Amino acid sequence: MTSSTTPDPAGRRARPQPAPDPLMMTPAEKAIAEWEARHDVAARGSRATPGAIQLYLAESRSRERCDEAARPRPEARRAVPAPPAVPASTEELWFRLAPPERRPRRSGGTPR
């Protein structure tokens, strides 16, 4: 291996290569990690813990509420006011306010 100060065949100095980021995963490492996670879930019997279910539901509700809040609201149409009520005639008003007529009760005797 050559050092960074050794010139390349064209006579230029080679740039030092940046060191790979140790926190980045290669595609092969990602595939292996996914396989291991699926294997662990299958070995556990695909049963989630109550805490995991509660967390999932809380996150999904939160996500739905955020999506709902971000959605533009339609213009609210104002209700058309109803026409004013027609005043009742005086005769009808007296009819509604008058007490019911009382008929005298028949005596328990013979029917008429």
Protein backbone atom coordinates (compact mmCIF):
# COMPACT_ATOMS: atom_id res chain seq x y z
CA MET A 1 0.00 0.00 0.00
CA THR A 2 1.24 3.45 -0.83
CA SER A 3 1.28 6.38 1.50
CA SER A 4 -0.65 9.55 0.75
CA THR A 5 2.60 11.40 0.00
CA THR A 6 3.65 9.01 -2.75
CA PRO A 7 2.86 10.52 -6.15
CA ASP A 8 0.66 8.51 -8.53
CA PRO A 9 1.98 7.51 -11.97
CA ALA A 10 0.83 10.81 -13.50
CA GLY A 11 2.99 12.69 -10.99
CA ARG A 12 0.13 14.08 -8.88
CA ARG A 13 -0.20 13.49 -5.23
CA ALA A 14 -3.06 11.14 -4.33
CA ARG A 15 -5.81 12.55 -2.14
CA PRO A 16 -6.30 10.72 1.12
CA GLN A 17 -9.55 8.68 1.10
CA PRO A 18 -11.99 9.62 3.87
CA ALA A 19 -12.48 6.92 6.45
CA PRO A 20 -15.83 5.14 6.19
CA ASP A 21 -18.44 6.23 8.73
CA PRO A 22 -18.66 3.48 11.35
CA LEU A 23 -22.32 4.32 12.06
CA MET A 24 -23.46 3.71 8.47
CA MET A 25 -24.63 0.22 7.59
CA THR A 26 -23.90 -1.38 4.26
CA PRO A 27 -26.81 -2.92 2.36
CA ALA A 28 -25.57 -6.39 3.31
CA GLU A 29 -25.49 -5.46 7.01
CA LYS A 30 -29.02 -4.04 6.74
CA ALA A 31 -30.28 -7.26 5.15
CA ILE A 32 -28.64 -9.35 7.90
CA ALA A 33 -30.12 -7.16 10.64
CA GLU A 34 -33.58 -7.40 9.07
CA TRP A 35 -33.29 -11.20 8.83
CA GLU A 36 -32.25 -11.40 12.49
CA ALA A 37 -35.17 -9.21 13.55
CA ARG A 38 -37.64 -11.34 11.58
CA HIS A 39 -36.11 -14.50 13.05
CA ASP A 40 -36.47 -13.11 16.59
CA VAL A 41 -40.14 -12.24 15.98
CA ALA A 42 -40.83 -15.68 14.56
CA ALA A 43 -39.08 -17.35 17.50
CA ARG A 44 -41.16 -15.30 19.93
CA GLY A 45 -44.32 -16.57 18.25
CA SER A 46 -45.26 -13.22 16.74
CA ARG A 47 -46.84 -12.14 20.01
CA ALA A 48 -46.38 -8.51 20.81
CA THR A 49 -46.17 -7.29 24.36
CA PRO A 50 -49.02 -5.12 25.70
CA GLY A 51 -46.63 -2.18 26.02
CA ALA A 52 -45.58 -2.47 22.39
CA ILE A 53 -49.21 -2.60 21.26
CA GLN A 54 -50.08 0.45 23.37
CA LEU A 55 -47.11 2.36 21.96
CA TYR A 56 -48.06 1.40 18.39
CA LEU A 57 -51.67 2.52 18.89
CA ALA A 58 -50.61 5.80 20.51
CA GLU A 59 -48.21 6.56 17.67
CA SER A 60 -50.75 5.70 14.99
CA ARG A 61 -53.41 7.91 16.65
CA SER A 62 -50.90 10.74 16.91
CA ARG A 63 -49.95 10.33 13.26
CA GLU A 64 -53.63 10.33 12.22
CA ARG A 65 -54.32 13.49 14.23
CA CYS A 66 -51.31 15.26 12.71
CA ASP A 67 -52.42 14.24 9.19
CA GLU A 68 -55.96 15.41 9.97
CA ALA A 69 -54.71 18.77 11.28
CA ALA A 70 -52.52 19.28 8.20
CA ARG A 71 -55.42 18.61 5.81
CA PRO A 72 -57.06 21.80 4.50
CA ARG A 73 -60.54 22.26 5.88
CA PRO A 74 -63.40 22.87 3.46
CA GLU A 75 -65.15 26.21 3.65
CA ALA A 76 -67.98 25.96 6.11
CA ARG A 77 -71.21 27.07 4.50
CA ARG A 78 -73.36 29.24 6.63
CA ALA A 79 -76.91 28.10 7.10
CA VAL A 80 -79.47 30.16 5.25
CA PRO A 81 -81.66 31.83 7.85
CA ALA A 82 -85.22 30.52 7.90
CA PRO A 83 -87.95 32.92 6.88
CA PRO A 84 -89.68 34.57 9.79
CA ALA A 85 -92.59 32.61 11.21
CA VAL A 86 -96.01 33.62 9.99
CA PRO A 87 -97.99 35.01 12.90
CA ALA A 88 -100.99 32.87 13.77
CA SER A 89 -104.42 34.31 13.30
CA THR A 90 -106.19 35.53 16.41
CA GLU A 91 -108.83 32.81 16.13
CA GLU A 92 -106.22 30.05 15.97
CA LEU A 93 -104.35 31.57 18.87
CA TRP A 94 -107.46 31.63 21.07
CA PHE A 95 -108.22 28.04 20.09
CA ARG A 96 -104.76 26.89 21.22
CA LEU A 97 -104.86 28.87 24.47
CA ALA A 98 -108.42 27.96 25.48
CA PRO A 99 -108.80 25.20 28.06
CA PRO A 100 -110.30 21.95 26.75
CA GLU A 101 -114.08 21.80 26.82
CA ARG A 102 -115.51 19.78 29.67
CA ARG A 103 -118.39 17.51 29.01
CA PRO A 104 -120.51 16.50 31.94
CA ARG A 105 -119.95 12.88 32.89
CA ARG A 106 -122.75 10.50 32.40
CA SER A 107 -124.15 8.94 35.45
CA GLY A 108 -123.47 5.24 35.83
CA GLY A 109 -127.06 4.45 34.94
CA THR A 110 -128.50 3.50 31.61
CA PRO A 111 -126.74 4.33 28.38
CA ARG A 112 -128.42 6.91 26.22
